[in-house]
Amino acid sequence: MIYVKPAIALLASFVKIIMSFRPKTFQEAKANFKPMKRSRMTIAIGKRNSARRRLMKKQGPKTTEWERVRAWLKIQFAKAGIQTCQLRWAGCAFDNYLGFAHAAKRRNLLDGEIYVVALLCNHCHDVIEIGPPEDMRRIVEGLFALTGIQVPKGSV
């Protein structure tokens, strides 16, 4: 208890000293303004990042097809009343972060398989992707069969 008052007094004196270095008015601050020096590191980083900046590639035919199919699927799933995660496993986000999960990786899909999807949250999608590809195909095809959505005739 004895040392508290001197410590507070010492702290107050430090605050007064620090505050004396700060400008009191805008004019005083403007008169003493010095721009900060740019280090060589920030200059080098700026050059490197601008050199790496590239334009995005144009959409390929697979991406264009998927955007068309995805728009159609969103309508079909809404008509079927499916607007939440179809799996609902432990840790499921239920109706947040939803997306379509294919029966296989998209680069490995055959013709017409792009329509066979399940509506899953990111967590459940990650869980089925971690497992063997056969299990992922079985789960997604089973869930798609339960939806009752008919794949368009010309797509298969």
N, C-alpha and C. Protein backbone atom coordinates (compact mmCIF):
# COMPACT_ATOMS: atom_id res chain seq x y z
N MET A 1 0.82 -1.20 0.00
CA MET A 1 0.00 0.00 0.00
C MET A 1 0.86 1.26 0.00
N ILE A 2 2.00 1.16 0.60
CA ILE A 2 2.85 2.34 0.73
C ILE A 2 3.36 2.78 -0.64
N TYR A 3 3.62 1.83 -1.54
CA TYR A 3 4.25 2.14 -2.81
C TYR A 3 3.26 2.53 -3.90
N VAL A 4 1.97 2.47 -3.66
CA VAL A 4 0.97 2.77 -4.67
C VAL A 4 0.98 4.24 -5.05
N LYS A 5 1.00 5.13 -4.09
CA LYS A 5 0.96 6.56 -4.38
C LYS A 5 2.18 7.02 -5.17
N PRO A 6 3.40 6.62 -4.82
CA PRO A 6 4.54 7.03 -5.64
C PRO A 6 4.47 6.46 -7.05
N ALA A 7 3.94 5.25 -7.21
CA ALA A 7 3.82 4.65 -8.54
C ALA A 7 2.84 5.44 -9.40
N ILE A 8 1.73 5.86 -8.82
CA ILE A 8 0.73 6.64 -9.55
C ILE A 8 1.33 7.99 -9.94
N ALA A 9 2.07 8.60 -9.02
CA ALA A 9 2.70 9.89 -9.30
C ALA A 9 3.72 9.75 -10.43
N LEU A 10 4.48 8.66 -10.41
CA LEU A 10 5.47 8.41 -11.46
C LEU A 10 4.78 8.21 -12.81
N LEU A 11 3.69 7.47 -12.81
CA LEU A 11 2.93 7.24 -14.04
C LEU A 11 2.37 8.55 -14.58
N ALA A 12 1.85 9.40 -13.71
CA ALA A 12 1.31 10.68 -14.12
C ALA A 12 2.40 11.56 -14.72
N SER A 13 3.59 11.52 -14.17
CA SER A 13 4.67 12.33 -14.74
C SER A 13 5.07 11.83 -16.12
N PHE A 14 5.06 10.50 -16.34
CA PHE A 14 5.35 9.94 -17.67
C PHE A 14 4.30 10.37 -18.68
N VAL A 15 3.04 10.37 -18.27
CA VAL A 15 1.95 10.78 -19.16
C VAL A 15 2.14 12.24 -19.56
N LYS A 16 2.51 13.11 -18.61
CA LYS A 16 2.73 14.53 -18.93
C LYS A 16 3.86 14.69 -19.93
N ILE A 17 4.93 13.93 -19.75
CA ILE A 17 6.07 14.02 -20.67
C ILE A 17 5.66 13.57 -22.06
N ILE A 18 4.95 12.45 -22.15
CA ILE A 18 4.51 11.93 -23.46
C ILE A 18 3.57 12.92 -24.14
N MET A 19 2.64 13.48 -23.39
CA MET A 19 1.69 14.42 -23.95
C MET A 19 2.36 15.71 -24.41
N SER A 20 3.50 16.05 -23.85
CA SER A 20 4.17 17.28 -24.24
C SER A 20 4.75 17.16 -25.65
N PHE A 21 5.02 15.94 -26.10
CA PHE A 21 5.55 15.75 -27.45
C PHE A 21 4.47 15.81 -28.52
N ARG A 22 3.22 15.63 -28.15
CA ARG A 22 2.14 15.64 -29.12
C ARG A 22 1.78 17.07 -29.49
N PRO A 23 1.45 17.33 -30.76
CA PRO A 23 1.05 18.69 -31.15
C PRO A 23 -0.28 19.06 -30.50
N LYS A 24 -0.41 20.32 -30.17
CA LYS A 24 -1.63 20.78 -29.51
C LYS A 24 -2.69 21.24 -30.50
N THR A 25 -2.27 21.71 -31.67
CA THR A 25 -3.22 22.17 -32.69
C THR A 25 -2.90 21.51 -34.02
N PHE A 26 -3.83 21.63 -34.95
CA PHE A 26 -3.64 21.08 -36.28
C PHE A 26 -2.50 21.79 -37.00
N GLN A 27 -2.43 23.10 -36.84
CA GLN A 27 -1.38 23.88 -37.50
C GLN A 27 0.01 23.44 -37.02
N GLU A 28 0.12 23.18 -35.73
CA GLU A 28 1.39 22.73 -35.18
C GLU A 28 1.75 21.34 -35.74
N ALA A 29 0.77 20.47 -35.85
CA ALA A 29 1.02 19.14 -36.39
C ALA A 29 1.40 19.22 -37.86
N LYS A 30 0.73 20.11 -38.61
CA LYS A 30 1.01 20.27 -40.04
C LYS A 30 2.41 20.83 -40.26
N ALA A 31 2.84 21.73 -39.39
CA ALA A 31 4.16 22.35 -39.54
C ALA A 31 5.28 21.34 -39.29
N ASN A 32 5.05 20.39 -38.39
CA ASN A 32 6.08 19.42 -38.04
C ASN A 32 5.93 18.09 -38.79
N PHE A 33 5.05 18.04 -39.79
CA PHE A 33 4.78 16.78 -40.49
C PHE A 33 5.98 16.34 -41.32
N LYS A 34 6.33 15.07 -41.17
CA LYS A 34 7.36 14.46 -41.99
C LYS A 34 6.81 13.14 -42.51
N PRO A 35 6.82 12.92 -43.81
CA PRO A 35 6.31 11.64 -44.31
C PRO A 35 7.21 10.49 -43.85
N MET A 36 6.60 9.33 -43.63
CA MET A 36 7.38 8.17 -43.20
C MET A 36 8.21 7.66 -44.37
N LYS A 37 9.40 7.16 -44.04
CA LYS A 37 10.24 6.59 -45.08
C LYS A 37 9.72 5.22 -45.46
N ARG A 38 9.72 4.94 -46.74
CA ARG A 38 9.33 3.61 -47.20
C ARG A 38 10.54 2.70 -47.12
N SER A 39 10.35 1.57 -46.52
CA SER A 39 11.46 0.63 -46.43
C SER A 39 11.64 -0.08 -47.76
N ARG A 40 12.77 -0.66 -47.96
CA ARG A 40 13.01 -1.40 -49.20
C ARG A 40 12.11 -2.62 -49.29
N MET A 41 11.78 -3.19 -48.15
CA MET A 41 10.94 -4.38 -48.13
C MET A 41 9.55 -4.09 -48.71
N THR A 42 8.92 -2.97 -48.30
CA THR A 42 7.59 -2.67 -48.81
C THR A 42 7.65 -2.35 -50.30
N ILE A 43 8.70 -1.74 -50.75
CA ILE A 43 8.84 -1.45 -52.18
C ILE A 43 8.96 -2.76 -52.96
N ALA A 44 9.77 -3.69 -52.44
CA ALA A 44 9.95 -4.97 -53.12
C ALA A 44 8.66 -5.78 -53.12
N ILE A 45 7.93 -5.77 -52.01
CA ILE A 45 6.67 -6.50 -51.94
C ILE A 45 5.68 -5.93 -52.94
N GLY A 46 5.60 -4.61 -53.03
CA GLY A 46 4.68 -3.98 -53.98
C GLY A 46 4.99 -4.36 -55.42
N LYS A 47 6.27 -4.40 -55.76
CA LYS A 47 6.64 -4.78 -57.12
C LYS A 47 6.31 -6.24 -57.38
N ARG A 48 6.56 -7.09 -56.41
CA ARG A 48 6.31 -8.51 -56.60
C ARG A 48 4.82 -8.79 -56.78
N ASN A 49 3.99 -8.17 -55.96
CA ASN A 49 2.55 -8.42 -56.04
C ASN A 49 1.97 -7.91 -57.35
N SER A 50 2.45 -6.76 -57.83
CA SER A 50 1.89 -6.24 -59.07
C SER A 50 2.33 -7.10 -60.25
N ALA A 51 3.50 -7.72 -60.15
CA ALA A 51 3.95 -8.59 -61.24
C ALA A 51 3.14 -9.88 -61.27
N ARG A 52 2.67 -10.32 -60.10
CA ARG A 52 1.90 -11.56 -60.05
C ARG A 52 0.46 -11.38 -60.48
N ARG A 53 -0.04 -10.17 -60.43
CA ARG A 53 -1.44 -9.93 -60.73
C ARG A 53 -1.74 -10.29 -62.18
N ARG A 54 -2.70 -11.14 -62.39
CA ARG A 54 -3.06 -11.59 -63.72
C ARG A 54 -4.57 -11.45 -63.91
N LEU A 55 -4.97 -11.40 -65.15
CA LEU A 55 -6.39 -11.41 -65.44
C LEU A 55 -6.91 -12.83 -65.34
N MET A 56 -8.17 -12.97 -64.97
CA MET A 56 -8.76 -14.30 -64.89
C MET A 56 -8.97 -14.88 -66.28
N LYS A 57 -8.87 -16.18 -66.37
CA LYS A 57 -9.12 -16.85 -67.64
C LYS A 57 -10.61 -16.82 -67.93
N LYS A 58 -10.95 -16.93 -69.20
CA LYS A 58 -12.37 -16.98 -69.57
C LYS A 58 -12.95 -18.31 -69.11
N GLN A 59 -14.27 -18.32 -68.92
CA GLN A 59 -14.94 -19.56 -68.52
C GLN A 59 -14.84 -20.58 -69.64
N GLY A 60 -14.61 -21.80 -69.23
CA GLY A 60 -14.56 -22.89 -70.19
C GLY A 60 -15.95 -23.48 -70.39
N PRO A 61 -16.08 -24.43 -71.30
CA PRO A 61 -17.39 -25.03 -71.56
C PRO A 61 -17.95 -25.78 -70.35
N LYS A 62 -17.09 -26.42 -69.55
CA LYS A 62 -17.59 -27.15 -68.37
C LYS A 62 -18.20 -26.19 -67.35
N THR A 63 -17.56 -25.05 -67.12
CA THR A 63 -18.08 -24.08 -66.16
C THR A 63 -19.39 -23.49 -66.65
N THR A 64 -19.46 -23.18 -67.92
CA THR A 64 -20.69 -22.63 -68.49
C THR A 64 -21.83 -23.63 -68.36
N GLU A 65 -21.54 -24.91 -68.65
CA GLU A 65 -22.57 -25.94 -68.52
C GLU A 65 -23.01 -26.09 -67.07
N TRP A 66 -22.05 -26.08 -66.12
CA TRP A 66 -22.39 -26.24 -64.72
C TRP A 66 -23.25 -25.09 -64.23
N GLU A 67 -22.99 -23.87 -64.65
CA GLU A 67 -23.83 -22.73 -64.23
C GLU A 67 -25.26 -22.88 -64.74
N ARG A 68 -25.40 -23.38 -65.95
CA ARG A 68 -26.74 -23.62 -66.50
C ARG A 68 -27.46 -24.72 -65.72
N VAL A 69 -26.77 -25.83 -65.48
CA VAL A 69 -27.35 -26.97 -64.76
C VAL A 69 -27.67 -26.57 -63.32
N ARG A 70 -26.80 -25.82 -62.70
CA ARG A 70 -27.00 -25.40 -61.31
C ARG A 70 -28.26 -24.55 -61.16
N ALA A 71 -28.48 -23.64 -62.10
CA ALA A 71 -29.69 -22.82 -62.07
C ALA A 71 -30.94 -23.70 -62.18
N TRP A 72 -30.88 -24.71 -63.05
CA TRP A 72 -32.01 -25.63 -63.22
C TRP A 72 -32.21 -26.45 -61.95
N LEU A 73 -31.10 -26.94 -61.36
CA LEU A 73 -31.19 -27.75 -60.15
C LEU A 73 -31.78 -26.97 -58.98
N LYS A 74 -31.40 -25.70 -58.84
CA LYS A 74 -31.93 -24.89 -57.75
C LYS A 74 -33.45 -24.82 -57.82
N ILE A 75 -33.97 -24.66 -59.02
CA ILE A 75 -35.43 -24.60 -59.20
C ILE A 75 -36.06 -25.95 -58.87
N GLN A 76 -35.46 -27.04 -59.36
CA GLN A 76 -36.01 -28.37 -59.12
C GLN A 76 -36.00 -28.75 -57.64
N PHE A 77 -34.92 -28.43 -56.95
CA PHE A 77 -34.85 -28.75 -55.52
C PHE A 77 -35.85 -27.90 -54.75
N ALA A 78 -36.05 -26.65 -55.13
CA ALA A 78 -37.04 -25.81 -54.45
C ALA A 78 -38.45 -26.36 -54.68
N LYS A 79 -38.73 -26.81 -55.91
CA LYS A 79 -40.04 -27.41 -56.19
C LYS A 79 -40.26 -28.67 -55.36
N ALA A 80 -39.21 -29.45 -55.16
CA ALA A 80 -39.31 -30.68 -54.37
C ALA A 80 -39.33 -30.39 -52.87
N GLY A 81 -39.12 -29.13 -52.48
CA GLY A 81 -39.16 -28.74 -51.07
C GLY A 81 -37.89 -29.04 -50.32
N ILE A 82 -36.80 -29.25 -51.04
CA ILE A 82 -35.52 -29.54 -50.40
C ILE A 82 -34.71 -28.25 -50.35
N GLN A 83 -34.62 -27.65 -49.17
CA GLN A 83 -33.88 -26.41 -49.00
C GLN A 83 -32.99 -26.45 -47.78
N THR A 84 -32.73 -27.66 -47.28
CA THR A 84 -31.81 -27.85 -46.17
C THR A 84 -30.89 -29.01 -46.51
N CYS A 85 -29.87 -29.21 -45.69
CA CYS A 85 -28.92 -30.30 -45.92
C CYS A 85 -29.66 -31.63 -45.88
N GLN A 86 -29.38 -32.49 -46.84
CA GLN A 86 -30.07 -33.77 -46.92
C GLN A 86 -29.50 -34.81 -45.97
N LEU A 87 -28.25 -34.69 -45.55
CA LEU A 87 -27.65 -35.71 -44.68
C LEU A 87 -27.93 -35.46 -43.20
N ARG A 88 -27.68 -34.26 -42.73
CA ARG A 88 -27.87 -33.87 -41.33
C ARG A 88 -27.10 -34.77 -40.37
N TRP A 89 -25.85 -35.00 -40.66
CA TRP A 89 -24.98 -35.76 -39.76
C TRP A 89 -24.52 -34.86 -38.63
N ALA A 90 -23.78 -35.43 -37.70
CA ALA A 90 -23.27 -34.65 -36.56
C ALA A 90 -22.40 -33.51 -37.07
N GLY A 91 -22.63 -32.31 -36.56
CA GLY A 91 -21.87 -31.14 -37.00
C GLY A 91 -22.49 -30.45 -38.19
N CYS A 92 -23.64 -30.88 -38.63
CA CYS A 92 -24.29 -30.33 -39.82
C CYS A 92 -24.70 -28.88 -39.60
N ALA A 93 -24.58 -28.07 -40.65
CA ALA A 93 -24.97 -26.66 -40.58
C ALA A 93 -26.43 -26.47 -40.97
N PHE A 94 -27.14 -27.54 -41.25
CA PHE A 94 -28.57 -27.60 -41.55
C PHE A 94 -28.97 -26.77 -42.78
N ASP A 95 -29.14 -25.46 -42.62
CA ASP A 95 -29.55 -24.66 -43.78
C ASP A 95 -28.56 -23.53 -44.09
N ASN A 96 -27.36 -23.63 -43.56
CA ASN A 96 -26.30 -22.66 -43.87
C ASN A 96 -25.24 -23.32 -44.73
N TYR A 97 -24.60 -22.54 -45.56
CA TYR A 97 -23.47 -23.01 -46.38
C TYR A 97 -23.84 -24.20 -47.25
N LEU A 98 -24.96 -24.12 -47.92
CA LEU A 98 -25.41 -25.24 -48.75
C LEU A 98 -24.80 -25.18 -50.14
N GLY A 99 -24.58 -26.36 -50.69
CA GLY A 99 -24.08 -26.47 -52.05
C GLY A 99 -24.39 -27.85 -52.58
N PHE A 100 -24.21 -28.02 -53.87
CA PHE A 100 -24.49 -29.31 -54.50
C PHE A 100 -23.25 -30.19 -54.48
N ALA A 101 -23.44 -31.43 -54.05
CA ALA A 101 -22.35 -32.41 -54.03
C ALA A 101 -22.61 -33.41 -55.15
N HIS A 102 -21.60 -33.63 -55.98
CA HIS A 102 -21.71 -34.59 -57.08
C HIS A 102 -21.36 -35.98 -56.59
N ALA A 103 -21.67 -36.97 -57.41
CA ALA A 103 -21.37 -38.36 -57.07
C ALA A 103 -19.88 -38.65 -57.18
N ALA A 104 -19.16 -37.84 -57.91
CA ALA A 104 -17.71 -37.99 -58.06
C ALA A 104 -17.11 -36.60 -58.21
N LYS A 105 -15.80 -36.52 -58.21
CA LYS A 105 -15.17 -35.23 -58.48
C LYS A 105 -15.62 -34.75 -59.85
N ARG A 106 -15.80 -33.45 -60.01
CA ARG A 106 -16.36 -32.95 -61.27
C ARG A 106 -15.49 -33.26 -62.47
N ARG A 107 -14.19 -33.36 -62.27
CA ARG A 107 -13.31 -33.68 -63.40
C ARG A 107 -13.48 -35.13 -63.85
N ASN A 108 -14.09 -35.98 -62.99
CA ASN A 108 -14.26 -37.40 -63.32
C ASN A 108 -15.69 -37.75 -63.70
N LEU A 109 -16.56 -36.77 -63.85
CA LEU A 109 -17.96 -37.05 -64.16
C LEU A 109 -18.11 -37.49 -65.62
N LEU A 110 -19.04 -38.42 -65.83
CA LEU A 110 -19.38 -38.84 -67.18
C LEU A 110 -20.54 -37.99 -67.68
N ASP A 111 -20.94 -38.19 -68.94
CA ASP A 111 -22.05 -37.41 -69.51
C ASP A 111 -23.33 -37.66 -68.71
N GLY A 112 -24.02 -36.60 -68.38
CA GLY A 112 -25.29 -36.67 -67.68
C GLY A 112 -25.16 -36.81 -66.17
N GLU A 113 -23.99 -37.15 -65.66
CA GLU A 113 -23.83 -37.28 -64.21
C GLU A 113 -23.78 -35.93 -63.51
N ILE A 114 -23.66 -34.86 -64.27
CA ILE A 114 -23.61 -33.53 -63.66
C ILE A 114 -24.94 -33.18 -63.00
N TYR A 115 -26.02 -33.86 -63.43
CA TYR A 115 -27.34 -33.61 -62.85
C TYR A 115 -27.56 -34.38 -61.55
N VAL A 116 -26.80 -35.43 -61.31
CA VAL A 116 -26.99 -36.27 -60.14
C VAL A 116 -26.22 -35.65 -58.97
N VAL A 117 -26.94 -34.96 -58.11
CA VAL A 117 -26.34 -34.22 -57.00
C VAL A 117 -27.17 -34.38 -55.74
N ALA A 118 -26.59 -34.01 -54.62
CA ALA A 118 -27.30 -33.92 -53.35
C ALA A 118 -27.05 -32.53 -52.79
N LEU A 119 -28.03 -31.98 -52.11
CA LEU A 119 -27.88 -30.66 -51.49
C LEU A 119 -27.34 -30.87 -50.08
N LEU A 120 -26.08 -30.44 -49.86
CA LEU A 120 -25.41 -30.67 -48.58
C LEU A 120 -24.78 -29.39 -48.07
N CYS A 121 -24.64 -29.31 -46.74
CA CYS A 121 -23.87 -28.21 -46.16
C CYS A 121 -22.39 -28.52 -46.35
N ASN A 122 -21.53 -27.54 -46.17
CA ASN A 122 -20.10 -27.75 -46.38
C ASN A 122 -19.54 -28.84 -45.49
N HIS A 123 -19.99 -28.92 -44.24
CA HIS A 123 -19.46 -29.93 -43.33
C HIS A 123 -19.78 -31.33 -43.83
N CYS A 124 -21.03 -31.59 -44.16
CA CYS A 124 -21.42 -32.93 -44.64
C CYS A 124 -20.75 -33.25 -45.98
N HIS A 125 -20.60 -32.24 -46.83
CA HIS A 125 -19.92 -32.44 -48.11
C HIS A 125 -18.47 -32.87 -47.86
N ASP A 126 -17.80 -32.21 -46.93
CA ASP A 126 -16.41 -32.58 -46.62
C ASP A 126 -16.33 -33.98 -46.05
N VAL A 127 -17.30 -34.36 -45.22
CA VAL A 127 -17.29 -35.69 -44.61
C VAL A 127 -17.40 -36.77 -45.67
N ILE A 128 -18.31 -36.63 -46.64
CA ILE A 128 -18.44 -37.68 -47.65
C ILE A 128 -17.28 -37.66 -48.64
N GLU A 129 -16.65 -36.51 -48.84
CA GLU A 129 -15.50 -36.45 -49.75
C GLU A 129 -14.27 -37.12 -49.16
N ILE A 130 -14.16 -37.15 -47.84
CA ILE A 130 -13.00 -37.76 -47.19
C ILE A 130 -13.01 -39.27 -47.38
N GLY A 131 -14.20 -39.84 -47.41
CA GLY A 131 -14.31 -41.29 -47.53
C GLY A 131 -13.96 -41.79 -48.93
N PRO A 132 -14.09 -43.10 -49.13
CA PRO A 132 -13.80 -43.68 -50.44
C PRO A 132 -14.76 -43.16 -51.51
N PRO A 133 -14.29 -43.06 -52.76
CA PRO A 133 -15.15 -42.55 -53.84
C PRO A 133 -16.41 -43.39 -54.06
N GLU A 134 -16.32 -44.69 -53.79
CA GLU A 134 -17.50 -45.55 -53.98
C GLU A 134 -18.60 -45.18 -52.99
N ASP A 135 -18.20 -44.88 -51.75
CA ASP A 135 -19.19 -44.49 -50.74
C ASP A 135 -19.82 -43.15 -51.10
N MET A 136 -19.00 -42.23 -51.59
CA MET A 136 -19.52 -40.92 -51.99
C MET A 136 -20.55 -41.07 -53.10
N ARG A 137 -20.23 -41.89 -54.09
CA ARG A 137 -21.17 -42.13 -55.20
C ARG A 137 -22.46 -42.77 -54.69
N ARG A 138 -22.35 -43.77 -53.82
CA ARG A 138 -23.53 -44.47 -53.29
C ARG A 138 -24.42 -43.51 -52.50
N ILE A 139 -23.81 -42.65 -51.66
CA ILE A 139 -24.58 -41.71 -50.84
C ILE A 139 -25.29 -40.68 -51.71
N VAL A 140 -24.56 -40.07 -52.63
CA VAL A 140 -25.15 -39.00 -53.45
C VAL A 140 -26.23 -39.56 -54.37
N GLU A 141 -25.97 -40.71 -55.00
CA GLU A 141 -26.99 -41.29 -55.88
C GLU A 141 -28.23 -41.71 -55.10
N GLY A 142 -28.04 -42.22 -53.86
CA GLY A 142 -29.18 -42.58 -53.02
C GLY A 142 -30.00 -41.37 -52.63
N LEU A 143 -29.33 -40.29 -52.24
CA LEU A 143 -30.06 -39.07 -51.88
C LEU A 143 -30.77 -38.47 -53.08
N PHE A 144 -30.13 -38.53 -54.26
CA PHE A 144 -30.77 -37.98 -55.46
C PHE A 144 -32.01 -38.80 -55.82
N ALA A 145 -31.95 -40.10 -55.65
CA ALA A 145 -33.11 -40.94 -55.95
C ALA A 145 -34.28 -40.59 -55.03
N LEU A 146 -34.00 -40.23 -53.78
CA LEU A 146 -35.06 -39.86 -52.84
C LEU A 146 -35.74 -38.55 -53.21
N THR A 147 -35.05 -37.67 -53.94
CA THR A 147 -35.64 -36.37 -54.28
C THR A 147 -36.78 -36.51 -55.27
N GLY A 148 -36.71 -37.50 -56.15
CA GLY A 148 -37.73 -37.68 -57.17
C GLY A 148 -37.56 -36.76 -58.35
N ILE A 149 -36.44 -36.07 -58.45
CA ILE A 149 -36.18 -35.16 -59.57
C ILE A 149 -35.78 -36.00 -60.78
N GLN A 150 -36.40 -35.72 -61.91
CA GLN A 150 -36.09 -36.43 -63.15
C GLN A 150 -35.03 -35.68 -63.93
N VAL A 151 -33.98 -36.39 -64.33
CA VAL A 151 -32.92 -35.79 -65.14
C VAL A 151 -33.49 -35.53 -66.53
N PRO A 152 -33.17 -34.36 -67.14
CA PRO A 152 -33.67 -34.07 -68.49
C PRO A 152 -33.29 -35.17 -69.47
N LYS A 153 -34.16 -35.44 -70.43
CA LYS A 153 -34.00 -36.58 -71.36
C LYS A 153 -32.75 -36.49 -72.21
N GLY A 154 -32.43 -35.34 -72.75
CA GLY A 154 -31.30 -35.22 -73.66
C GLY A 154 -29.94 -35.17 -72.98
N SER A 155 -29.90 -35.22 -71.66
CA SER A 155 -28.64 -35.04 -70.95
C SER A 155 -27.90 -36.36 -70.70
N VAL A 156 -28.60 -37.48 -70.75
CA VAL A 156 -27.95 -38.76 -70.41
C VAL A 156 -27.53 -39.49 -71.66
